[in-house]
Amino acid sequence: MRQFKWIDWNLQKIGNHGLAAADVEAAFIRVLSLQERRDGSLRCSPHARRPAIWIIWRYDREDDDVPDIFFDDTSDAPIFVITAY
């Protein structure tokens, strides 16, 4: 089960776009597209949601904790949503 890290800052950002934490968490059930951005964050869009939303996020981990993506070390890291719209 995915863990999310919610703080006032990111809750306010998604709220400004009419979304709640439950909307964003539900969107992770089926991801239609996933793109890595230049700054290292990830952008995804959920499958079969109309209207579609985009979620900008990254794994929340300690600076010295660099995951090995080939062995899926990111599975325990919480998801920190930067924004969603």
PDB file of N, CA and C in Angstrom:
ATOM      1  N   MET A   1       0.835  -1.177   0.000  1.00  0.00           N
ATOM      2  CA  MET A   1       0.000   0.000   0.000  1.00  0.00           C
ATOM      3  C   MET A   1       0.885   1.248   0.000  1.00  0.00           C
ATOM      4  N   ARG A   2       0.566   2.170  -0.847  1.00  0.00           N
ATOM      5  CA  ARG A   2       1.370   3.393  -0.943  1.00  0.00           C
ATOM      6  C   ARG A   2       1.147   4.296   0.258  1.00  0.00           C
ATOM      7  N   GLN A   3       2.240   4.922   0.682  1.00  0.00           N
ATOM      8  CA  GLN A   3       2.195   5.904   1.755  1.00  0.00           C
ATOM      9  C   GLN A   3       2.357   7.284   1.141  1.00  0.00           C
ATOM     10  N   PHE A   4       1.629   8.250   1.631  1.00  0.00           N
ATOM     11  CA  PHE A   4       1.723   9.618   1.151  1.00  0.00           C
ATOM     12  C   PHE A   4       2.133  10.512   2.301  1.00  0.00           C
ATOM     13  N   LYS A   5       2.916  11.535   1.989  1.00  0.00           N
ATOM     14  CA  LYS A   5       3.297  12.522   2.995  1.00  0.00           C
ATOM     15  C   LYS A   5       2.553  13.819   2.675  1.00  0.00           C
ATOM     16  N   TRP A   6       1.603  14.139   3.521  1.00  0.00           N
ATOM     17  CA  TRP A   6       0.815  15.356   3.348  1.00  0.00           C
ATOM     18  C   TRP A   6       1.188  16.363   4.414  1.00  0.00           C
ATOM     19  N   ILE A   7       1.424  17.580   3.984  1.00  0.00           N
ATOM     20  CA  ILE A   7       1.660  18.693   4.896  1.00  0.00           C
ATOM     21  C   ILE A   7       0.756  19.834   4.448  1.00  0.00           C
ATOM     22  N   ASP A   8       0.642  20.864   5.261  1.00  0.00           N
ATOM     23  CA  ASP A   8      -0.233  21.986   4.909  1.00  0.00           C
ATOM     24  C   ASP A   8       0.098  22.557   3.535  1.00  0.00           C
ATOM     25  N   TRP A   9       1.385  22.633   3.211  1.00  0.00           N
ATOM     26  CA  TRP A   9       1.833  23.243   1.961  1.00  0.00           C
ATOM     27  C   TRP A   9       1.254  22.528   0.744  1.00  0.00           C
ATOM     28  N   ASN A  10       1.429  21.187   0.672  1.00  0.00           N
ATOM     29  CA  ASN A  10       0.933  20.504  -0.529  1.00  0.00           C
ATOM     30  C   ASN A  10      -0.582  20.318  -0.505  1.00  0.00           C
ATOM     31  N   LEU A  11      -1.192  20.245   0.664  1.00  0.00           N
ATOM     32  CA  LEU A  11      -2.646  20.188   0.737  1.00  0.00           C
ATOM     33  C   LEU A  11      -3.267  21.487   0.216  1.00  0.00           C
ATOM     34  N   GLN A  12      -2.637  22.601   0.541  1.00  0.00           N
ATOM     35  CA  GLN A  12      -3.127  23.888   0.056  1.00  0.00           C
ATOM     36  C   GLN A  12      -2.968  23.997  -1.464  1.00  0.00           C
ATOM     37  N   LYS A  13      -1.827  23.525  -1.977  1.00  0.00           N
ATOM     38  CA  LYS A  13      -1.589  23.605  -3.420  1.00  0.00           C
ATOM     39  C   LYS A  13      -2.618  22.797  -4.211  1.00  0.00           C
ATOM     40  N   ILE A  14      -2.910  21.571  -3.772  1.00  0.00           N
ATOM     41  CA  ILE A  14      -3.905  20.793  -4.508  1.00  0.00           C
ATOM     42  C   ILE A  14      -5.304  21.352  -4.278  1.00  0.00           C
ATOM     43  N   GLY A  15      -5.547  21.891  -3.090  1.00  0.00           N
ATOM     44  CA  GLY A  15      -6.832  22.512  -2.793  1.00  0.00           C
ATOM     45  C   GLY A  15      -7.112  23.706  -3.686  1.00  0.00           C
ATOM     46  N   ASN A  16      -6.065  24.436  -4.041  1.00  0.00           N
ATOM     47  CA  ASN A  16      -6.222  25.574  -4.948  1.00  0.00           C
ATOM     48  C   ASN A  16      -6.730  25.141  -6.326  1.00  0.00           C
ATOM     49  N   HIS A  17      -6.575  23.861  -6.640  1.00  0.00           N
ATOM     50  CA  HIS A  17      -7.042  23.324  -7.918  1.00  0.00           C
ATOM     51  C   HIS A  17      -8.307  22.483  -7.748  1.00  0.00           C
ATOM     52  N   GLY A  18      -8.947  22.613  -6.588  1.00  0.00           N
ATOM     53  CA  GLY A  18     -10.205  21.913  -6.354  1.00  0.00           C
ATOM     54  C   GLY A  18     -10.066  20.436  -6.053  1.00  0.00           C
ATOM     55  N   LEU A  19      -8.889  20.014  -5.602  1.00  0.00           N
ATOM     56  CA  LEU A  19      -8.646  18.601  -5.306  1.00  0.00           C
ATOM     57  C   LEU A  19      -8.381  18.405  -3.821  1.00  0.00           C
ATOM     58  N   ALA A  20      -8.654  17.212  -3.343  1.00  0.00           N
ATOM     59  CA  ALA A  20      -8.363  16.827  -1.960  1.00  0.00           C
ATOM     60  C   ALA A  20      -7.361  15.671  -1.982  1.00  0.00           C
ATOM     61  N   ALA A  21      -6.783  15.390  -0.827  1.00  0.00           N
ATOM     62  CA  ALA A  21      -5.807  14.301  -0.724  1.00  0.00           C
ATOM     63  C   ALA A  21      -6.403  12.982  -1.214  1.00  0.00           C
ATOM     64  N   ALA A  22      -7.664  12.724  -0.896  1.00  0.00           N
ATOM     65  CA  ALA A  22      -8.306  11.476  -1.324  1.00  0.00           C
ATOM     66  C   ALA A  22      -8.380  11.381  -2.853  1.00  0.00           C
ATOM     67  N   ASP A  23      -8.610  12.506  -3.531  1.00  0.00           N
ATOM     68  CA  ASP A  23      -8.645  12.507  -5.002  1.00  0.00           C
ATOM     69  C   ASP A  23      -7.298  12.092  -5.574  1.00  0.00           C
ATOM     70  N   VAL A  24      -6.243  12.663  -5.022  1.00  0.00           N
ATOM     71  CA  VAL A  24      -4.900  12.395  -5.532  1.00  0.00           C
ATOM     72  C   VAL A  24      -4.488  10.961  -5.219  1.00  0.00           C
ATOM     73  N   GLU A  25      -4.750  10.505  -4.005  1.00  0.00           N
ATOM     74  CA  GLU A  25      -4.388   9.136  -3.644  1.00  0.00           C
ATOM     75  C   GLU A  25      -5.135   8.124  -4.507  1.00  0.00           C
ATOM     76  N   ALA A  26      -6.394   8.379  -4.787  1.00  0.00           N
ATOM     77  CA  ALA A  26      -7.177   7.474  -5.638  1.00  0.00           C
ATOM     78  C   ALA A  26      -6.620   7.427  -7.056  1.00  0.00           C
ATOM     79  N   ALA A  27      -6.036   8.526  -7.506  1.00  0.00           N
ATOM     80  CA  ALA A  27      -5.485   8.585  -8.860  1.00  0.00           C
ATOM     81  C   ALA A  27      -4.297   7.648  -9.039  1.00  0.00           C
ATOM     82  N   PHE A  28      -3.636   7.278  -7.957  1.00  0.00           N
ATOM     83  CA  PHE A  28      -2.476   6.399  -8.048  1.00  0.00           C
ATOM     84  C   PHE A  28      -2.860   4.928  -8.221  1.00  0.00           C
ATOM     85  N   ILE A  29      -4.131   4.616  -8.166  1.00  0.00           N
ATOM     86  CA  ILE A  29      -4.567   3.224  -8.319  1.00  0.00           C
ATOM     87  C   ILE A  29      -4.265   2.733  -9.727  1.00  0.00           C
ATOM     88  N   ARG A  30      -4.531   3.591 -10.718  1.00  0.00           N
ATOM     89  CA  ARG A  30      -4.261   3.235 -12.119  1.00  0.00           C
ATOM     90  C   ARG A  30      -3.627   4.430 -12.803  1.00  0.00           C
ATOM     91  N   VAL A  31      -2.367   4.327 -13.096  1.00  0.00           N
ATOM     92  CA  VAL A  31      -1.642   5.418 -13.750  1.00  0.00           C
ATOM     93  C   VAL A  31      -1.607   5.165 -15.250  1.00  0.00           C
ATOM     94  N   LEU A  32      -2.051   6.156 -16.015  1.00  0.00           N
ATOM     95  CA  LEU A  32      -2.059   6.052 -17.472  1.00  0.00           C
ATOM     96  C   LEU A  32      -0.706   6.399 -18.066  1.00  0.00           C
ATOM     97  N   SER A  33      -0.107   7.478 -17.563  1.00  0.00           N
ATOM     98  CA  SER A  33       1.200   7.882 -18.089  1.00  0.00           C
ATOM     99  C   SER A  33       2.081   8.347 -16.943  1.00  0.00           C
ATOM    100  N   LEU A  34       3.371   8.127 -17.094  1.00  0.00           N
ATOM    101  CA  LEU A  34       4.358   8.533 -16.098  1.00  0.00           C
ATOM    102  C   LEU A  34       5.556   9.102 -16.835  1.00  0.00           C
ATOM    103  N   GLN A  35       5.916  10.331 -16.481  1.00  0.00           N
ATOM    104  CA  GLN A  35       7.039  11.002 -17.132  1.00  0.00           C
ATOM    105  C   GLN A  35       7.971  11.568 -16.068  1.00  0.00           C
ATOM    106  N   GLU A  36       9.273  11.400 -16.282  1.00  0.00           N
ATOM    107  CA  GLU A  36      10.233  12.038 -15.389  1.00  0.00           C
ATOM    108  C   GLU A  36      10.515  13.438 -15.923  1.00  0.00           C
ATOM    109  N   ARG A  37      10.509  14.412 -15.010  1.00  0.00           N
ATOM    110  CA  ARG A  37      10.747  15.800 -15.384  1.00  0.00           C
ATOM    111  C   ARG A  37      12.226  16.138 -15.190  1.00  0.00           C
ATOM    112  N   ARG A  38      12.647  17.257 -15.772  1.00  0.00           N
ATOM    113  CA  ARG A  38      14.069  17.654 -15.704  1.00  0.00           C
ATOM    114  C   ARG A  38      14.567  17.826 -14.279  1.00  0.00           C
ATOM    115  N   ASP A  39      13.689  18.246 -13.364  1.00  0.00           N
ATOM    116  CA  ASP A  39      14.121  18.477 -11.988  1.00  0.00           C
ATOM    117  C   ASP A  39      14.127  17.201 -11.152  1.00  0.00           C
ATOM    118  N   GLY A  40      13.820  16.056 -11.753  1.00  0.00           N
ATOM    119  CA  GLY A  40      13.837  14.788 -11.036  1.00  0.00           C
ATOM    120  C   GLY A  40      12.482  14.387 -10.480  1.00  0.00           C
ATOM    121  N   SER A  41      11.508  15.305 -10.491  1.00  0.00           N
ATOM    122  CA  SER A  41      10.174  14.941 -10.042  1.00  0.00           C
ATOM    123  C   SER A  41       9.486  14.129 -11.138  1.00  0.00           C
ATOM    124  N   LEU A  42       8.362  13.543 -10.802  1.00  0.00           N
ATOM    125  CA  LEU A  42       7.629  12.706 -11.739  1.00  0.00           C
ATOM    126  C   LEU A  42       6.250  13.319 -11.992  1.00  0.00           C
ATOM    127  N   ARG A  43       5.725  13.096 -13.189  1.00  0.00           N
ATOM    128  CA  ARG A  43       4.409  13.596 -13.555  1.00  0.00           C
ATOM    129  C   ARG A  43       3.591  12.400 -14.021  1.00  0.00           C
ATOM    130  N   CYS A  44       2.402  12.244 -13.452  1.00  0.00           N
ATOM    131  CA  CYS A  44       1.565  11.137 -13.876  1.00  0.00           C
ATOM    132  C   CYS A  44       0.136  11.603 -14.055  1.00  0.00           C
ATOM    133  N   SER A  45      -0.592  10.830 -14.819  1.00  0.00           N
ATOM    134  CA  SER A  45      -2.010  11.060 -15.042  1.00  0.00           C
ATOM    135  C   SER A  45      -2.718   9.733 -14.817  1.00  0.00           C
ATOM    136  N   PRO A  46      -3.819   9.751 -14.081  1.00  0.00           N
ATOM    137  CA  PRO A  46      -4.524   8.497 -13.802  1.00  0.00           C
ATOM    138  C   PRO A  46      -5.318   8.005 -14.999  1.00  0.00           C
ATOM    139  N   HIS A  47      -5.512   6.722 -15.050  1.00  0.00           N
ATOM    140  CA  HIS A  47      -6.290   6.073 -16.101  1.00  0.00           C
ATOM    141  C   HIS A  47      -7.778   6.254 -15.814  1.00  0.00           C
ATOM    142  N   ALA A  48      -8.542   6.557 -16.843  1.00  0.00           N
ATOM    143  CA  ALA A  48     -10.001   6.572 -16.802  1.00  0.00           C
ATOM    144  C   ALA A  48     -10.590   7.608 -15.858  1.00  0.00           C
ATOM    145  N   ARG A  49      -9.912   8.674 -15.602  1.00  0.00           N
ATOM    146  CA  ARG A  49     -10.496   9.737 -14.795  1.00  0.00           C
ATOM    147  C   ARG A  49     -10.874  10.869 -15.733  1.00  0.00           C
ATOM    148  N   ARG A  50     -12.086  11.318 -15.652  1.00  0.00           N
ATOM    149  CA  ARG A  50     -12.559  12.442 -16.455  1.00  0.00           C
ATOM    150  C   ARG A  50     -13.177  13.458 -15.535  1.00  0.00           C
ATOM    151  N   PRO A  51     -12.798  14.689 -15.549  1.00  0.00           N
ATOM    152  CA  PRO A  51     -11.674  15.172 -16.340  1.00  0.00           C
ATOM    153  C   PRO A  51     -10.354  14.667 -15.763  1.00  0.00           C
ATOM    154  N   ALA A  52      -9.389  14.516 -16.627  1.00  0.00           N
ATOM    155  CA  ALA A  52      -8.077  14.010 -16.208  1.00  0.00           C
ATOM    156  C   ALA A  52      -7.387  15.018 -15.310  1.00  0.00           C
ATOM    157  N   ILE A  53      -6.610  14.517 -14.376  1.00  0.00           N
ATOM    158  CA  ILE A  53      -5.772  15.386 -13.552  1.00  0.00           C
ATOM    159  C   ILE A  53      -4.318  14.979 -13.757  1.00  0.00           C
ATOM    160  N   TRP A  54      -3.432  15.913 -13.535  1.00  0.00           N
ATOM    161  CA  TRP A  54      -1.993  15.657 -13.569  1.00  0.00           C
ATOM    162  C   TRP A  54      -1.463  15.804 -12.159  1.00  0.00           C
ATOM    163  N   ILE A  55      -0.553  14.944 -11.788  1.00  0.00           N
ATOM    164  CA  ILE A  55       0.041  14.971 -10.450  1.00  0.00           C
ATOM    165  C   ILE A  55       1.550  15.076 -10.608  1.00  0.00           C
ATOM    166  N   ILE A  56       2.137  16.076  -9.952  1.00  0.00           N
ATOM    167  CA  ILE A  56       3.594  16.239  -9.913  1.00  0.00           C
ATOM    168  C   ILE A  56       4.029  15.783  -8.519  1.00  0.00           C
ATOM    169  N   TRP A  57       4.971  14.843  -8.470  1.00  0.00           N
ATOM    170  CA  TRP A  57       5.353  14.262  -7.186  1.00  0.00           C
ATOM    171  C   TRP A  57       6.782  13.734  -7.240  1.00  0.00           C
ATOM    172  N   ARG A  58       7.273  13.374  -6.091  1.00  0.00           N
ATOM    173  CA  ARG A  58       8.567  12.700  -5.977  1.00  0.00           C
ATOM    174  C   ARG A  58       8.513  11.794  -4.764  1.00  0.00           C
ATOM    175  N   TYR A  59       9.452  10.862  -4.694  1.00  0.00           N
ATOM    176  CA  TYR A  59       9.557  10.028  -3.502  1.00  0.00           C
ATOM    177  C   TYR A  59      10.155  10.859  -2.390  1.00  0.00           C
ATOM    178  N   ASP A  60       9.601  10.760  -1.199  1.00  0.00           N
ATOM    179  CA  ASP A  60      10.100  11.495  -0.043  1.00  0.00           C
ATOM    180  C   ASP A  60      11.090  10.595   0.686  1.00  0.00           C
ATOM    181  N   ARG A  61      12.347  10.938   0.577  1.00  0.00           N
ATOM    182  CA  ARG A  61      13.398  10.138   1.219  1.00  0.00           C
ATOM    183  C   ARG A  61      14.495  11.056   1.720  1.00  0.00           C
ATOM    184  N   GLU A  62      15.298  10.531   2.580  1.00  0.00           N
ATOM    185  CA  GLU A  62      16.413  11.299   3.112  1.00  0.00           C
ATOM    186  C   GLU A  62      17.393  11.617   1.981  1.00  0.00           C
ATOM    187  N   ASP A  63      18.089  12.739   2.091  1.00  0.00           N
ATOM    188  CA  ASP A  63      19.030  13.147   1.048  1.00  0.00           C
ATOM    189  C   ASP A  63      20.083  12.086   0.746  1.00  0.00           C
ATOM    190  N   ASP A  64      20.515  11.357   1.766  1.00  0.00           N
ATOM    191  CA  ASP A  64      21.563  10.365   1.551  1.00  0.00           C
ATOM    192  C   ASP A  64      21.000   8.993   1.182  1.00  0.00           C
ATOM    193  N   ASP A  65      19.700   8.860   1.134  1.00  0.00           N
ATOM    194  CA  ASP A  65      19.059   7.595   0.805  1.00  0.00           C
ATOM    195  C   ASP A  65      18.707   7.590  -0.673  1.00  0.00           C
ATOM    196  N   VAL A  66      19.630   7.138  -1.498  1.00  0.00           N
ATOM    197  CA  VAL A  66      19.424   7.100  -2.942  1.00  0.00           C
ATOM    198  C   VAL A  66      18.938   5.708  -3.317  1.00  0.00           C
ATOM    199  N   PRO A  67      17.708   5.593  -3.819  1.00  0.00           N
ATOM    200  CA  PRO A  67      17.180   4.260  -4.138  1.00  0.00           C
ATOM    201  C   PRO A  67      17.797   3.690  -5.395  1.00  0.00           C
ATOM    202  N   ASP A  68      17.818   2.391  -5.466  1.00  0.00           N
ATOM    203  CA  ASP A  68      18.263   1.692  -6.666  1.00  0.00           C
ATOM    204  C   ASP A  68      17.014   1.323  -7.452  1.00  0.00           C
ATOM    205  N   ILE A  69      16.709   2.071  -8.509  1.00  0.00           N
ATOM    206  CA  ILE A  69      15.469   1.865  -9.235  1.00  0.00           C
ATOM    207  C   ILE A  69      15.408   0.507  -9.922  1.00  0.00           C
ATOM    208  N   PHE A  70      16.546  -0.126 -10.157  1.00  0.00           N
ATOM    209  CA  PHE A  70      16.541  -1.425 -10.803  1.00  0.00           C
ATOM    210  C   PHE A  70      16.060  -2.528  -9.868  1.00  0.00           C
ATOM    211  N   PHE A  71      16.189  -2.297  -8.570  1.00  0.00           N
ATOM    212  CA  PHE A  71      15.735  -3.280  -7.587  1.00  0.00           C
ATOM    213  C   PHE A  71      14.545  -2.762  -6.795  1.00  0.00           C
ATOM    214  N   ASP A  72      13.902  -1.679  -7.265  1.00  0.00           N
ATOM    215  CA  ASP A  72      12.687  -1.131  -6.693  1.00  0.00           C
ATOM    216  C   ASP A  72      12.842  -0.774  -5.212  1.00  0.00           C
ATOM    217  N   ASP A  73      13.921  -0.087  -4.876  1.00  0.00           N
ATOM    218  CA  ASP A  73      14.118   0.389  -3.509  1.00  0.00           C
ATOM    219  C   ASP A  73      13.177   1.532  -3.148  1.00  0.00           C
ATOM    220  N   THR A  74      12.421   2.025  -4.091  1.00  0.00           N
ATOM    221  CA  THR A  74      11.524   3.149  -3.825  1.00  0.00           C
ATOM    222  C   THR A  74      10.197   2.701  -3.235  1.00  0.00           C
ATOM    223  N   SER A  75       9.944   1.415  -3.154  1.00  0.00           N
ATOM    224  CA  SER A  75       8.632   0.933  -2.736  1.00  0.00           C
ATOM    225  C   SER A  75       8.263   1.345  -1.311  1.00  0.00           C
ATOM    226  N   ASP A  76       9.227   1.569  -0.436  1.00  0.00           N
ATOM    227  CA  ASP A  76       8.938   1.955   0.940  1.00  0.00           C
ATOM    228  C   ASP A  76       8.919   3.463   1.138  1.00  0.00           C
ATOM    229  N   ALA A  77       9.407   4.219   0.175  1.00  0.00           N
ATOM    230  CA  ALA A  77       9.480   5.669   0.320  1.00  0.00           C
ATOM    231  C   ALA A  77       8.094   6.272   0.120  1.00  0.00           C
ATOM    232  N   PRO A  78       7.683   7.173   1.028  1.00  0.00           N
ATOM    233  CA  PRO A  78       6.383   7.824   0.844  1.00  0.00           C
ATOM    234  C   PRO A  78       6.385   8.732  -0.391  1.00  0.00           C
ATOM    235  N   ILE A  79       5.212   8.931  -0.933  1.00  0.00           N
ATOM    236  CA  ILE A  79       5.030   9.813  -2.078  1.00  0.00           C
ATOM    237  C   ILE A  79       4.739  11.214  -1.556  1.00  0.00           C
ATOM    238  N   PHE A  80       5.539  12.184  -2.006  1.00  0.00           N
ATOM    239  CA  PHE A  80       5.325  13.577  -1.633  1.00  0.00           C
ATOM    240  C   PHE A  80       4.786  14.304  -2.862  1.00  0.00           C
ATOM    241  N   VAL A  81       3.528  14.685  -2.789  1.00  0.00           N
ATOM    242  CA  VAL A  81       2.886  15.371  -3.902  1.00  0.00           C
ATOM    243  C   VAL A  81       3.296  16.835  -3.884  1.00  0.00           C
ATOM    244  N   ILE A  82       3.831  17.303  -4.995  1.00  0.00           N
ATOM    245  CA  ILE A  82       4.235  18.712  -5.122  1.00  0.00           C
ATOM    246  C   ILE A  82       3.014  19.542  -5.493  1.00  0.00           C
ATOM    247  N   THR A  83       2.250  19.071  -6.468  1.00  0.00           N
ATOM    248  CA  THR A  83       0.996  19.712  -6.833  1.00  0.00           C
ATOM    249  C   THR A  83       0.187  18.750  -7.687  1.00  0.00           C
ATOM    250  N   ALA A  84      -1.076  19.071  -7.876  1.00  0.00           N
ATOM    251  CA  ALA A  84      -1.956  18.311  -8.765  1.00  0.00           C
ATOM    252  C   ALA A  84      -2.953  19.288  -9.343  1.00  0.00           C
ATOM    253  N   TYR A  85      -3.293  19.070 -10.605  1.00  0.00           N
ATOM    254  CA  TYR A  85      -4.253  19.956 -11.264  1.00  0.00           C
ATOM    255  C   TYR A  85      -5.037  19.222 -12.329  1.00  0.00           C
TER     256      TYR A  85
END
